[in-house]
């Protein structure tokens, strides 16, 4: 994990980004630990290390450009060359992560960085939850990521991972190379996807989105 922050500090960074997004009419939804805290406790989780946002595919370029205009961007090599659907920024010394969503032909939505496959009907349309924008069915998404007991704080321990990584890797391979996929190409890209997600992400970001207090 990265540097831990107080709930107040996380809230400050979260509010700054939301003000910018809403001023530019950018559609977003809270994601992962940030969504967990807001739905479970009505605030970011004290001791969390970042702020997380889902960005819809048609909003991605605008969202990234807007963030780069207002905040410092951490341009890791893997983000630019291998994983263009994940961006990290620093807002008041708090890490802010943007995850680009991809819609599949079979009616699901994927986050390629974390290799999650979500039911699309639980993701869209984004809805208001108090002062925030969240996925359509945040409880269902939280149960998908963190398990049915997501309402119970884990004190920093890992939540069980859904058994979907291989399928997600295949879906992400199609996103990366939608028109030129043969069996060998798919296999190679899946290896790259898995290696980056498991290795580079852990080494460069030193974090785990499922580890939440």
Protein backbone atom coordinates (compact mmCIF):
# COMPACT_ATOMS: atom_id res chain seq x y z
CA UNK A 1 0.00 0.00 0.00
CA UNK A 2 0.98 3.60 -0.43
CA UNK A 3 0.95 6.37 2.13
CA UNK A 4 -2.07 6.21 4.41
CA UNK A 5 -4.20 9.31 4.88
CA UNK A 6 -6.87 10.53 7.25
CA UNK A 7 -10.46 10.51 6.12
CA UNK A 8 -10.42 14.31 6.14
CA UNK A 9 -7.40 14.52 3.85
CA UNK A 10 -8.89 12.00 1.44
CA UNK A 11 -12.17 13.91 1.48
CA UNK A 12 -10.34 17.10 0.58
CA UNK A 13 -8.69 15.54 -2.48
CA UNK A 14 -11.93 13.82 -3.45
CA UNK A 15 -13.89 17.05 -3.28
CA UNK A 16 -11.31 18.93 -5.37
CA UNK A 17 -11.45 16.37 -8.18
CA UNK A 18 -15.25 16.23 -8.12
CA UNK A 19 -15.49 20.02 -8.40
CA UNK A 20 -13.24 19.93 -11.46
CA UNK A 21 -15.16 17.04 -13.05
CA UNK A 22 -18.53 18.68 -12.49
CA UNK A 23 -17.32 22.05 -13.78
CA UNK A 24 -16.26 20.29 -17.00
CA UNK A 25 -19.40 18.07 -17.16
CA UNK A 26 -17.34 14.89 -16.93
CA UNK A 27 -19.25 11.75 -15.99
CA UNK A 28 -17.52 9.75 -13.28
CA UNK A 29 -18.32 7.23 -10.55
CA UNK A 30 -16.54 6.48 -7.32
CA UNK A 31 -14.66 3.17 -7.44
CA UNK A 32 -13.18 0.48 -5.19
CA UNK A 33 -12.10 1.65 -1.72
CA UNK A 34 -13.50 5.14 -2.18
CA UNK A 35 -16.89 3.72 -3.15
CA UNK A 36 -16.70 1.27 -0.26
CA UNK A 37 -16.09 4.05 2.25
CA UNK A 38 -18.79 6.37 0.95
CA UNK A 39 -21.47 3.67 0.77
CA UNK A 40 -20.52 1.97 4.03
CA UNK A 41 -19.50 4.96 6.15
CA UNK A 42 -20.60 8.02 4.13
CA UNK A 43 -16.98 9.18 3.92
CA UNK A 44 -13.59 7.99 2.65
CA UNK A 45 -12.11 5.24 4.79
CA UNK A 46 -9.71 6.54 7.41
CA UNK A 47 -6.27 5.11 6.65
CA UNK A 48 -6.91 4.49 2.96
CA UNK A 49 -4.06 5.36 0.60
CA UNK A 50 -5.82 6.79 -2.45
CA UNK A 51 -8.99 8.02 -4.15
CA UNK A 52 -10.50 5.92 -6.96
CA UNK A 53 -12.72 6.86 -9.91
CA UNK A 54 -14.36 4.90 -12.71
CA UNK A 55 -14.48 6.80 -16.01
CA UNK A 56 -16.82 5.80 -18.84
CA UNK A 57 -15.15 5.09 -22.23
CA UNK A 58 -16.56 8.17 -23.96
CA UNK A 59 -15.37 10.41 -21.12
CA UNK A 60 -11.83 9.09 -20.78
CA UNK A 61 -9.81 11.47 -22.95
CA UNK A 62 -11.63 14.51 -21.60
CA UNK A 63 -11.21 13.35 -18.01
CA UNK A 64 -7.48 12.69 -18.41
CA UNK A 65 -6.89 16.01 -20.20
CA UNK A 66 -8.80 17.86 -17.49
CA UNK A 67 -6.85 16.17 -14.70
CA UNK A 68 -3.55 16.90 -16.43
CA UNK A 69 -4.56 20.54 -16.70
CA UNK A 70 -5.34 20.91 -13.00
CA UNK A 71 -3.20 18.34 -11.17
CA UNK A 72 0.21 16.65 -11.27
CA UNK A 73 0.23 13.46 -13.32
CA UNK A 74 2.35 10.45 -12.38
CA UNK A 75 3.28 9.23 -15.87
CA UNK A 76 4.57 5.74 -15.19
CA UNK A 77 5.96 4.09 -18.30
CA UNK A 78 3.53 1.19 -18.13
CA UNK A 79 0.58 3.57 -18.04
CA UNK A 80 1.59 5.24 -21.29
CA UNK A 81 2.77 2.24 -23.29
CA UNK A 82 0.92 -0.82 -22.02
CA UNK A 83 -2.00 0.32 -19.91
CA UNK A 84 -3.55 3.46 -21.40
CA UNK A 85 -6.73 2.77 -19.41
CA UNK A 86 -5.25 3.66 -16.01
CA UNK A 87 -3.92 7.06 -14.89
CA UNK A 88 -2.58 8.29 -11.58
CA UNK A 89 -2.45 11.86 -10.31
CA UNK A 90 -1.42 13.60 -7.11
CA UNK A 91 -3.88 15.97 -5.47
CA UNK A 92 -2.65 17.59 -2.25
CA UNK A 93 -0.21 14.69 -1.82
CA UNK A 94 -3.03 12.14 -2.17
CA UNK A 95 -2.87 9.60 -5.00
CA UNK A 96 -5.92 9.76 -7.28
CA UNK A 97 -6.48 6.84 -9.66
CA UNK A 98 -8.65 6.88 -12.78
CA UNK A 99 -9.83 3.57 -14.25
CA UNK A 100 -11.15 3.51 -17.78
CA UNK A 101 -14.12 1.22 -18.22
CA UNK A 102 -14.61 -0.88 -21.37
CA UNK A 103 -17.92 -2.31 -22.54
CA UNK A 104 -17.87 -5.80 -24.04
CA UNK A 105 -20.07 -7.14 -26.80
CA UNK A 106 -21.76 -9.57 -24.43
CA UNK A 107 -23.17 -6.83 -22.22
CA UNK A 108 -20.56 -6.56 -19.50
CA UNK A 109 -18.13 -3.88 -18.38
CA UNK A 110 -14.47 -4.45 -17.55
CA UNK A 111 -11.69 -2.64 -15.75
CA UNK A 112 -8.54 -3.91 -17.43
CA UNK A 113 -6.09 -2.59 -14.85
CA UNK A 114 -7.56 -4.64 -12.01
CA UNK A 115 -8.97 -7.31 -14.34
CA UNK A 116 -12.54 -7.11 -13.07
CA UNK A 117 -15.57 -8.06 -15.16
CA UNK A 118 -18.71 -6.27 -13.96
CA UNK A 119 -22.36 -6.77 -14.93
CA UNK A 120 -23.11 -3.69 -17.02
CA UNK A 121 -26.58 -3.26 -15.56
CA UNK A 122 -24.95 -2.74 -12.16
CA UNK A 123 -22.58 -0.09 -13.53
CA UNK A 124 -24.70 2.19 -15.74
CA UNK A 125 -26.11 4.73 -15.64
CA UNK A 126 -24.10 6.47 -12.96
CA UNK A 127 -26.41 7.81 -10.23
CA UNK A 128 -26.19 10.32 -7.42
CA UNK A 129 -25.44 9.16 -3.89
CA UNK A 130 -25.60 12.29 -1.80
CA UNK A 131 -22.92 14.62 -3.14
CA UNK A 132 -21.24 11.89 -5.18
CA UNK A 133 -21.75 10.01 -8.44
CA UNK A 134 -21.68 6.22 -8.06
CA UNK A 135 -22.40 3.13 -10.18
CA UNK A 136 -26.09 2.29 -10.62
CA UNK A 137 -25.98 -0.56 -8.10
CA UNK A 138 -23.02 0.13 -5.80
CA UNK A 139 -23.98 -2.61 -3.34
CA UNK A 140 -23.85 -5.25 -6.06
CA UNK A 141 -20.47 -4.03 -7.31
CA UNK A 142 -19.02 -3.92 -3.81
CA UNK A 143 -20.19 -7.48 -3.17
CA UNK A 144 -18.59 -8.49 -6.47
CA UNK A 145 -15.21 -7.00 -5.53
CA UNK A 146 -15.07 -7.42 -1.76
CA UNK A 147 -17.45 -10.30 -1.07
CA UNK A 148 -20.89 -10.49 0.50
CA UNK A 149 -19.52 -9.26 3.84
CA UNK A 150 -18.23 -5.98 2.40
CA UNK A 151 -20.11 -4.07 5.11
CA UNK A 152 -17.79 -5.57 7.75
CA UNK A 153 -14.47 -3.67 8.13
CA UNK A 154 -11.42 -5.93 7.65
CA UNK A 155 -8.78 -3.82 9.39
CA UNK A 156 -6.48 -3.74 6.34
CA UNK A 157 -6.75 -7.45 5.51
CA UNK A 158 -7.27 -8.66 1.95
CA UNK A 159 -10.71 -9.46 0.63
CA UNK A 160 -11.14 -12.67 -1.41
CA UNK A 161 -10.56 -12.24 -5.14
CA UNK A 162 -13.36 -13.23 -7.52
CA UNK A 163 -12.38 -16.08 -9.84
CA UNK A 164 -12.39 -14.04 -13.01
CA UNK A 165 -8.79 -13.13 -13.83
CA UNK A 166 -8.34 -15.41 -16.86
CA UNK A 167 -11.58 -14.27 -18.43
CA UNK A 168 -10.76 -10.64 -17.71
CA UNK A 169 -7.31 -11.04 -19.29
CA UNK A 170 -8.90 -12.39 -22.47
CA UNK A 171 -11.39 -9.54 -22.55
CA UNK A 172 -8.59 -7.01 -22.03
CA UNK A 173 -6.57 -8.63 -24.81
CA UNK A 174 -9.48 -8.00 -27.15
CA UNK A 175 -9.59 -4.38 -26.02
CA UNK A 176 -5.87 -3.94 -26.71
CA UNK A 177 -5.96 -5.63 -30.14
CA UNK A 178 -9.60 -5.77 -31.28
CA UNK A 179 -9.03 -6.56 -34.96
CA UNK A 180 -5.88 -8.67 -35.18
CA UNK A 181 -6.33 -11.46 -32.68
CA UNK A 182 -5.23 -15.00 -33.39
CA UNK A 183 -4.73 -17.70 -30.75
CA UNK A 184 -1.02 -16.93 -30.34
CA UNK A 185 -1.60 -13.20 -30.15
CA UNK A 186 -4.31 -13.62 -27.55
CA UNK A 187 -2.04 -15.82 -25.47
CA UNK A 188 0.83 -13.37 -25.60
CA UNK A 189 -1.33 -10.41 -24.69
CA UNK A 190 -2.94 -12.31 -21.84
CA UNK A 191 0.53 -13.06 -20.47
CA UNK A 192 1.45 -9.38 -20.74
CA UNK A 193 -1.82 -8.29 -19.11
CA UNK A 194 -1.39 -10.69 -16.22
CA UNK A 195 2.30 -9.90 -15.76
CA UNK A 196 1.71 -6.17 -15.70
CA UNK A 197 -1.26 -6.43 -13.37
CA UNK A 198 0.51 -8.81 -10.98
CA UNK A 199 4.09 -7.59 -11.28
CA UNK A 200 4.43 -4.03 -12.48
CA UNK A 201 1.38 -2.82 -10.61
CA UNK A 202 2.59 -4.34 -7.36
CA UNK A 203 6.14 -3.09 -7.81
CA UNK A 204 5.45 0.40 -9.11
CA UNK A 205 2.27 1.20 -7.26
CA UNK A 206 2.83 -0.95 -4.14
CA UNK A 207 -0.86 -1.24 -3.54
CA UNK A 208 -3.79 -3.66 -3.63
CA UNK A 209 -7.26 -2.30 -4.31
CA UNK A 210 -8.85 -5.02 -2.22
CA UNK A 211 -6.89 -4.27 0.94
CA UNK A 212 -9.24 -2.03 2.84
CA UNK A 213 -9.79 -1.18 6.49
